[in-house]
């Protein structure tokens, strides 16, 4: 199945990429996707980014639905 991964803030800057389509297995979880992306983009390793699925923050065990928009959000800064 296909999803779209969107990158924001420092994650976007590190990868020089704002979005990409990605084919994943139907039972892919947020945790599995995170591992796959960290393997593909080593610059993501060690960054504590949040993951949103269809504009809602998602837990590591959330299963990605077909056609999902997954956003990698950098740590939020206070101010």
PDB file of N, CA and C in Angstrom:
ATOM      1  N   UNK A   1       0.851  -1.178   0.000  1.00  0.00           N
ATOM      2  CA  UNK A   1       0.000   0.000   0.000  1.00  0.00           C
ATOM      3  C   UNK A   1       0.890   1.232   0.000  1.00  0.00           C
ATOM      4  N   UNK A   2       0.324   2.341  -0.359  1.00  0.00           N
ATOM      5  CA  UNK A   2       1.092   3.582  -0.465  1.00  0.00           C
ATOM      6  C   UNK A   2       0.677   4.581   0.604  1.00  0.00           C
ATOM      7  N   UNK A   3       1.674   5.310   1.105  1.00  0.00           N
ATOM      8  CA  UNK A   3       1.461   6.416   2.026  1.00  0.00           C
ATOM      9  C   UNK A   3       2.292   7.592   1.532  1.00  0.00           C
ATOM     10  N   UNK A   4       2.053   8.754   2.112  1.00  0.00           N
ATOM     11  CA  UNK A   4       2.887   9.929   1.844  1.00  0.00           C
ATOM     12  C   UNK A   4       3.540  10.331   3.150  1.00  0.00           C
ATOM     13  N   UNK A   5       4.844  10.503   3.121  1.00  0.00           N
ATOM     14  CA  UNK A   5       5.574  10.948   4.301  1.00  0.00           C
ATOM     15  C   UNK A   5       5.960  12.402   4.079  1.00  0.00           C
ATOM     16  N   UNK A   6       5.617  13.252   5.054  1.00  0.00           N
ATOM     17  CA  UNK A   6       5.953  14.670   4.985  1.00  0.00           C
ATOM     18  C   UNK A   6       6.945  14.996   6.096  1.00  0.00           C
ATOM     19  N   UNK A   7       7.884  15.869   5.773  1.00  0.00           N
ATOM     20  CA  UNK A   7       8.950  16.239   6.700  1.00  0.00           C
ATOM     21  C   UNK A   7       8.836  17.724   7.016  1.00  0.00           C
ATOM     22  N   UNK A   8       9.016  18.075   8.298  1.00  0.00           N
ATOM     23  CA  UNK A   8       8.874  19.460   8.725  1.00  0.00           C
ATOM     24  C   UNK A   8      10.080  19.897   9.551  1.00  0.00           C
ATOM     25  N   UNK A   9      10.302  21.214   9.592  1.00  0.00           N
ATOM     26  CA  UNK A   9      11.323  21.817  10.447  1.00  0.00           C
ATOM     27  C   UNK A   9      12.713  21.276  10.176  1.00  0.00           C
ATOM     28  N   UNK A  10      13.423  20.972  11.265  1.00  0.00           N
ATOM     29  CA  UNK A  10      14.810  20.538  11.110  1.00  0.00           C
ATOM     30  C   UNK A  10      14.903  19.186  10.414  1.00  0.00           C
ATOM     31  N   UNK A  11      13.867  18.362  10.511  1.00  0.00           N
ATOM     32  CA  UNK A  11      13.868  17.085   9.786  1.00  0.00           C
ATOM     33  C   UNK A  11      13.900  17.364   8.282  1.00  0.00           C
ATOM     34  N   UNK A  12      13.079  18.298   7.844  1.00  0.00           N
ATOM     35  CA  UNK A  12      13.050  18.689   6.431  1.00  0.00           C
ATOM     36  C   UNK A  12      14.405  19.263   6.006  1.00  0.00           C
ATOM     37  N   UNK A  13      15.002  20.079   6.854  1.00  0.00           N
ATOM     38  CA  UNK A  13      16.301  20.675   6.533  1.00  0.00           C
ATOM     39  C   UNK A  13      17.396  19.613   6.445  1.00  0.00           C
ATOM     40  N   UNK A  14      17.397  18.662   7.366  1.00  0.00           N
ATOM     41  CA  UNK A  14      18.414  17.601   7.354  1.00  0.00           C
ATOM     42  C   UNK A  14      18.347  16.759   6.081  1.00  0.00           C
ATOM     43  N   UNK A  15      17.124  16.486   5.632  1.00  0.00           N
ATOM     44  CA  UNK A  15      16.945  15.599   4.485  1.00  0.00           C
ATOM     45  C   UNK A  15      16.860  16.338   3.155  1.00  0.00           C
ATOM     46  N   UNK A  16      16.701  17.659   3.199  1.00  0.00           N
ATOM     47  CA  UNK A  16      16.474  18.455   1.981  1.00  0.00           C
ATOM     48  C   UNK A  16      15.314  17.870   1.179  1.00  0.00           C
ATOM     49  N   UNK A  17      14.265  17.549   1.910  1.00  0.00           N
ATOM     50  CA  UNK A  17      13.109  16.872   1.325  1.00  0.00           C
ATOM     51  C   UNK A  17      11.884  17.291   2.118  1.00  0.00           C
ATOM     52  N   UNK A  18      10.793  17.629   1.432  1.00  0.00           N
ATOM     53  CA  UNK A  18       9.592  18.004   2.178  1.00  0.00           C
ATOM     54  C   UNK A  18       8.528  16.908   2.192  1.00  0.00           C
ATOM     55  N   UNK A  19       8.566  16.012   1.216  1.00  0.00           N
ATOM     56  CA  UNK A  19       7.612  14.900   1.195  1.00  0.00           C
ATOM     57  C   UNK A  19       8.090  13.848   0.214  1.00  0.00           C
ATOM     58  N   UNK A  20       7.569  12.637   0.406  1.00  0.00           N
ATOM     59  CA  UNK A  20       7.851  11.570  -0.546  1.00  0.00           C
ATOM     60  C   UNK A  20       6.784  10.490  -0.432  1.00  0.00           C
ATOM     61  N   UNK A  21       6.430   9.867  -1.553  1.00  0.00           N
ATOM     62  CA  UNK A  21       5.540   8.712  -1.501  1.00  0.00           C
ATOM     63  C   UNK A  21       6.352   7.497  -1.058  1.00  0.00           C
ATOM     64  N   UNK A  22       5.706   6.582  -0.376  1.00  0.00           N
ATOM     65  CA  UNK A  22       6.409   5.407   0.112  1.00  0.00           C
ATOM     66  C   UNK A  22       5.459   4.215   0.093  1.00  0.00           C
ATOM     67  N   UNK A  23       5.937   3.091  -0.396  1.00  0.00           N
ATOM     68  CA  UNK A  23       5.167   1.845  -0.374  1.00  0.00           C
ATOM     69  C   UNK A  23       5.530   1.095   0.899  1.00  0.00           C
ATOM     70  N   UNK A  24       4.517   0.674   1.656  1.00  0.00           N
ATOM     71  CA  UNK A  24       4.721  -0.066   2.897  1.00  0.00           C
ATOM     72  C   UNK A  24       3.782  -1.263   2.937  1.00  0.00           C
ATOM     73  N   UNK A  25       4.093  -2.225   3.794  1.00  0.00           N
ATOM     74  CA  UNK A  25       3.217  -3.370   3.989  1.00  0.00           C
ATOM     75  C   UNK A  25       1.946  -2.936   4.712  1.00  0.00           C
ATOM     76  N   UNK A  26       0.839  -3.641   4.512  1.00  0.00           N
ATOM     77  CA  UNK A  26      -0.435  -3.260   5.138  1.00  0.00           C
ATOM     78  C   UNK A  26      -0.419  -3.214   6.671  1.00  0.00           C
ATOM     79  N   UNK A  27       0.434  -3.981   7.314  1.00  0.00           N
ATOM     80  CA  UNK A  27       0.455  -4.005   8.782  1.00  0.00           C
ATOM     81  C   UNK A  27       1.572  -3.141   9.372  1.00  0.00           C
ATOM     82  N   UNK A  28       2.085  -2.189   8.622  1.00  0.00           N
ATOM     83  CA  UNK A  28       3.193  -1.346   9.075  1.00  0.00           C
ATOM     84  C   UNK A  28       2.743  -0.424  10.209  1.00  0.00           C
ATOM     85  N   UNK A  29       3.528  -0.425  11.280  1.00  0.00           N
ATOM     86  CA  UNK A  29       3.263   0.456  12.422  1.00  0.00           C
ATOM     87  C   UNK A  29       4.142   1.699  12.322  1.00  0.00           C
ATOM     88  N   UNK A  30       3.827   2.680  13.141  1.00  0.00           N
ATOM     89  CA  UNK A  30       4.657   3.881  13.219  1.00  0.00           C
ATOM     90  C   UNK A  30       6.087   3.496  13.600  1.00  0.00           C
ATOM     91  N   UNK A  31       6.245   2.584  14.550  1.00  0.00           N
ATOM     92  CA  UNK A  31       7.579   2.153  14.980  1.00  0.00           C
ATOM     93  C   UNK A  31       8.357   1.525  13.831  1.00  0.00           C
ATOM     94  N   UNK A  32       7.700   0.678  13.050  1.00  0.00           N
ATOM     95  CA  UNK A  32       8.351   0.039  11.908  1.00  0.00           C
ATOM     96  C   UNK A  32       8.753   1.077  10.867  1.00  0.00           C
ATOM     97  N   UNK A  33       7.857   2.011  10.591  1.00  0.00           N
ATOM     98  CA  UNK A  33       8.167   3.070   9.628  1.00  0.00           C
ATOM     99  C   UNK A  33       9.337   3.910  10.120  1.00  0.00           C
ATOM    100  N   UNK A  34       9.341   4.247  11.399  1.00  0.00           N
ATOM    101  CA  UNK A  34      10.431   5.043  11.964  1.00  0.00           C
ATOM    102  C   UNK A  34      11.770   4.321  11.747  1.00  0.00           C
ATOM    103  N   UNK A  35      11.816   3.035  12.027  1.00  0.00           N
ATOM    104  CA  UNK A  35      13.042   2.264  11.829  1.00  0.00           C
ATOM    105  C   UNK A  35      13.479   2.247  10.379  1.00  0.00           C
ATOM    106  N   UNK A  36      12.514   2.088   9.489  1.00  0.00           N
ATOM    107  CA  UNK A  36      12.826   2.069   8.056  1.00  0.00           C
ATOM    108  C   UNK A  36      13.394   3.411   7.606  1.00  0.00           C
ATOM    109  N   UNK A  37      12.779   4.497   8.068  1.00  0.00           N
ATOM    110  CA  UNK A  37      13.256   5.825   7.671  1.00  0.00           C
ATOM    111  C   UNK A  37      14.630   6.134   8.275  1.00  0.00           C
ATOM    112  N   UNK A  38      14.864   5.685   9.517  1.00  0.00           N
ATOM    113  CA  UNK A  38      16.171   5.919  10.130  1.00  0.00           C
ATOM    114  C   UNK A  38      17.261   5.118   9.423  1.00  0.00           C
ATOM    115  N   UNK A  39      16.912   3.940   8.909  1.00  0.00           N
ATOM    116  CA  UNK A  39      17.888   3.163   8.126  1.00  0.00           C
ATOM    117  C   UNK A  39      18.179   3.838   6.795  1.00  0.00           C
ATOM    118  N   UNK A  40      17.140   4.365   6.183  1.00  0.00           N
ATOM    119  CA  UNK A  40      17.271   5.023   4.879  1.00  0.00           C
ATOM    120  C   UNK A  40      17.972   6.369   4.996  1.00  0.00           C
ATOM    121  N   UNK A  41      17.671   7.080   6.084  1.00  0.00           N
ATOM    122  CA  UNK A  41      18.230   8.412   6.318  1.00  0.00           C
ATOM    123  C   UNK A  41      18.910   8.421   7.691  1.00  0.00           C
ATOM    124  N   UNK A  42      20.182   8.011   7.768  1.00  0.00           N
ATOM    125  CA  UNK A  42      20.880   7.942   9.056  1.00  0.00           C
ATOM    126  C   UNK A  42      20.866   9.258   9.847  1.00  0.00           C
ATOM    127  N   UNK A  43      20.696  10.389   9.189  1.00  0.00           N
ATOM    128  CA  UNK A  43      20.653  11.676   9.893  1.00  0.00           C
ATOM    129  C   UNK A  43      19.470  11.745  10.863  1.00  0.00           C
ATOM    130  N   UNK A  44      18.453  10.906  10.667  1.00  0.00           N
ATOM    131  CA  UNK A  44      17.296  10.901  11.564  1.00  0.00           C
ATOM    132  C   UNK A  44      17.569  10.170  12.875  1.00  0.00           C
ATOM    133  N   UNK A  45      18.569   9.312  12.885  1.00  0.00           N
ATOM    134  CA  UNK A  45      18.881   8.552  14.100  1.00  0.00           C
ATOM    135  C   UNK A  45      19.231   9.500  15.238  1.00  0.00           C
ATOM    136  N   UNK A  46      18.632   9.253  16.375  1.00  0.00           N
ATOM    137  CA  UNK A  46      18.919  10.075  17.546  1.00  0.00           C
ATOM    138  C   UNK A  46      18.081  11.326  17.666  1.00  0.00           C
ATOM    139  N   UNK A  47      17.271  11.628  16.663  1.00  0.00           N
ATOM    140  CA  UNK A  47      16.395  12.794  16.741  1.00  0.00           C
ATOM    141  C   UNK A  47      15.054  12.336  17.317  1.00  0.00           C
ATOM    142  N   UNK A  48      14.578  13.040  18.321  1.00  0.00           N
ATOM    143  CA  UNK A  48      13.324  12.684  18.971  1.00  0.00           C
ATOM    144  C   UNK A  48      12.172  13.396  18.263  1.00  0.00           C
ATOM    145  N   UNK A  49      11.788  12.878  17.101  1.00  0.00           N
ATOM    146  CA  UNK A  49      10.698  13.507  16.361  1.00  0.00           C
ATOM    147  C   UNK A  49       9.375  12.821  16.658  1.00  0.00           C
ATOM    148  N   UNK A  50       8.305  13.594  16.627  1.00  0.00           N
ATOM    149  CA  UNK A  50       6.958  13.053  16.794  1.00  0.00           C
ATOM    150  C   UNK A  50       6.438  12.635  15.430  1.00  0.00           C
ATOM    151  N   UNK A  51       5.469  11.731  15.429  1.00  0.00           N
ATOM    152  CA  UNK A  51       4.869  11.265  14.187  1.00  0.00           C
ATOM    153  C   UNK A  51       3.367  11.503  14.255  1.00  0.00           C
ATOM    154  N   UNK A  52       2.840  12.136  13.235  1.00  0.00           N
ATOM    155  CA  UNK A  52       1.394  12.328  13.114  1.00  0.00           C
ATOM    156  C   UNK A  52       0.905  11.531  11.919  1.00  0.00           C
ATOM    157  N   UNK A  53      -0.240  10.893  12.092  1.00  0.00           N
ATOM    158  CA  UNK A  53      -0.871  10.138  11.013  1.00  0.00           C
ATOM    159  C   UNK A  53      -2.210  10.807  10.731  1.00  0.00           C
ATOM    160  N   UNK A  54      -2.365  11.255   9.499  1.00  0.00           N
ATOM    161  CA  UNK A  54      -3.573  11.982   9.098  1.00  0.00           C
ATOM    162  C   UNK A  54      -3.885  13.112  10.075  1.00  0.00           C
ATOM    163  N   UNK A  55      -2.856  13.878  10.416  1.00  0.00           N
ATOM    164  CA  UNK A  55      -2.906  15.095  11.217  1.00  0.00           C
ATOM    165  C   UNK A  55      -3.237  14.873  12.689  1.00  0.00           C
ATOM    166  N   UNK A  56      -3.009  13.647  13.183  1.00  0.00           N
ATOM    167  CA  UNK A  56      -3.179  13.369  14.608  1.00  0.00           C
ATOM    168  C   UNK A  56      -1.922  12.682  15.118  1.00  0.00           C
ATOM    169  N   UNK A  57      -1.390  13.153  16.255  1.00  0.00           N
ATOM    170  CA  UNK A  57      -0.198  12.515  16.814  1.00  0.00           C
ATOM    171  C   UNK A  57      -0.492  11.040  17.037  1.00  0.00           C
ATOM    172  N   UNK A  58       0.481  10.202  16.705  1.00  0.00           N
ATOM    173  CA  UNK A  58       0.278   8.760  16.738  1.00  0.00           C
ATOM    174  C   UNK A  58       1.278   8.080  17.660  1.00  0.00           C
ATOM    175  N   UNK A  59       0.821   7.022  18.324  1.00  0.00           N
ATOM    176  CA  UNK A  59       1.684   6.198  19.177  1.00  0.00           C
ATOM    177  C   UNK A  59       2.506   5.268  18.297  1.00  0.00           C
ATOM    178  N   UNK A  60       3.574   4.740  18.864  1.00  0.00           N
ATOM    179  CA  UNK A  60       4.473   3.840  18.130  1.00  0.00           C
ATOM    180  C   UNK A  60       3.749   2.611  17.588  1.00  0.00           C
ATOM    181  N   UNK A  61       2.713   2.133  18.286  1.00  0.00           N
ATOM    182  CA  UNK A  61       2.025   0.912  17.869  1.00  0.00           C
ATOM    183  C   UNK A  61       0.861   1.165  16.909  1.00  0.00           C
ATOM    184  N   UNK A  62       0.668   2.416  16.484  1.00  0.00           N
ATOM    185  CA  UNK A  62      -0.392   2.744  15.532  1.00  0.00           C
ATOM    186  C   UNK A  62      -0.093   2.106  14.182  1.00  0.00           C
ATOM    187  N   UNK A  63      -1.080   1.401  13.630  1.00  0.00           N
ATOM    188  CA  UNK A  63      -0.941   0.812  12.301  1.00  0.00           C
ATOM    189  C   UNK A  63      -1.334   1.856  11.266  1.00  0.00           C
ATOM    190  N   UNK A  64      -0.513   1.985  10.237  1.00  0.00           N
ATOM    191  CA  UNK A  64      -0.761   2.993   9.202  1.00  0.00           C
ATOM    192  C   UNK A  64      -1.857   2.526   8.251  1.00  0.00           C
ATOM    193  N   UNK A  65      -2.879   3.363   8.017  1.00  0.00           N
ATOM    194  CA  UNK A  65      -3.898   2.996   7.042  1.00  0.00           C
ATOM    195  C   UNK A  65      -3.428   3.296   5.618  1.00  0.00           C
ATOM    196  N   UNK A  66      -4.008   2.614   4.652  1.00  0.00           N
ATOM    197  CA  UNK A  66      -3.689   2.873   3.239  1.00  0.00           C
ATOM    198  C   UNK A  66      -3.964   4.334   2.926  1.00  0.00           C
ATOM    199  N   UNK A  67      -3.060   4.939   2.168  1.00  0.00           N
ATOM    200  CA  UNK A  67      -3.232   6.324   1.750  1.00  0.00           C
ATOM    201  C   UNK A  67      -2.935   7.346   2.822  1.00  0.00           C
ATOM    202  N   UNK A  68      -2.396   6.916   3.952  1.00  0.00           N
ATOM    203  CA  UNK A  68      -2.147   7.826   5.074  1.00  0.00           C
ATOM    204  C   UNK A  68      -1.153   8.920   4.704  1.00  0.00           C
ATOM    205  N   UNK A  69      -1.335  10.064   5.335  1.00  0.00           N
ATOM    206  CA  UNK A  69      -0.342  11.125   5.300  1.00  0.00           C
ATOM    207  C   UNK A  69       0.360  11.078   6.656  1.00  0.00           C
ATOM    208  N   UNK A  70       1.638  10.776   6.626  1.00  0.00           N
ATOM    209  CA  UNK A  70       2.426  10.648   7.844  1.00  0.00           C
ATOM    210  C   UNK A  70       3.386  11.821   7.907  1.00  0.00           C
ATOM    211  N   UNK A  71       3.362  12.536   9.014  1.00  0.00           N
ATOM    212  CA  UNK A  71       4.227  13.706   9.172  1.00  0.00           C
ATOM    213  C   UNK A  71       5.260  13.453  10.249  1.00  0.00           C
ATOM    214  N   UNK A  72       6.507  13.766   9.959  1.00  0.00           N
ATOM    215  CA  UNK A  72       7.578  13.717  10.949  1.00  0.00           C
ATOM    216  C   UNK A  72       7.772  15.137  11.455  1.00  0.00           C
ATOM    217  N   UNK A  73       7.529  15.306  12.756  1.00  0.00           N
ATOM    218  CA  UNK A  73       7.555  16.627  13.363  1.00  0.00           C
ATOM    219  C   UNK A  73       8.736  16.721  14.318  1.00  0.00           C
ATOM    220  N   UNK A  74       9.572  17.728  14.166  1.00  0.00           N
ATOM    221  CA  UNK A  74      10.727  17.891  15.050  1.00  0.00           C
ATOM    222  C   UNK A  74      10.256  18.250  16.451  1.00  0.00           C
ATOM    223  N   UNK A  75      11.150  18.190  17.421  1.00  0.00           N
ATOM    224  CA  UNK A  75      10.782  18.595  18.781  1.00  0.00           C
ATOM    225  C   UNK A  75      10.236  20.026  18.782  1.00  0.00           C
ATOM    226  N   UNK A  76       9.214  20.231  19.581  1.00  0.00           N
ATOM    227  CA  UNK A  76       8.610  21.560  19.665  1.00  0.00           C
ATOM    228  C   UNK A  76       9.419  22.420  20.612  1.00  0.00           C
ATOM    229  N   UNK A  77       9.626  23.668  20.251  1.00  0.00           N
ATOM    230  CA  UNK A  77      10.376  24.609  21.090  1.00  0.00           C
ATOM    231  C   UNK A  77       9.381  25.448  21.886  1.00  0.00           C
ATOM    232  N   UNK A  78       9.703  25.704  23.125  1.00  0.00           N
ATOM    233  CA  UNK A  78       8.849  26.557  23.944  1.00  0.00           C
ATOM    234  C   UNK A  78       9.228  28.010  23.752  1.00  0.00           C
ATOM    235  N   UNK A  79       8.376  28.862  24.214  1.00  0.00           N
ATOM    236  CA  UNK A  79       8.727  30.267  24.079  1.00  0.00           C
ATOM    237  C   UNK A  79       7.735  31.180  24.664  1.00  0.00           C
TER     238      UNK A  79
END
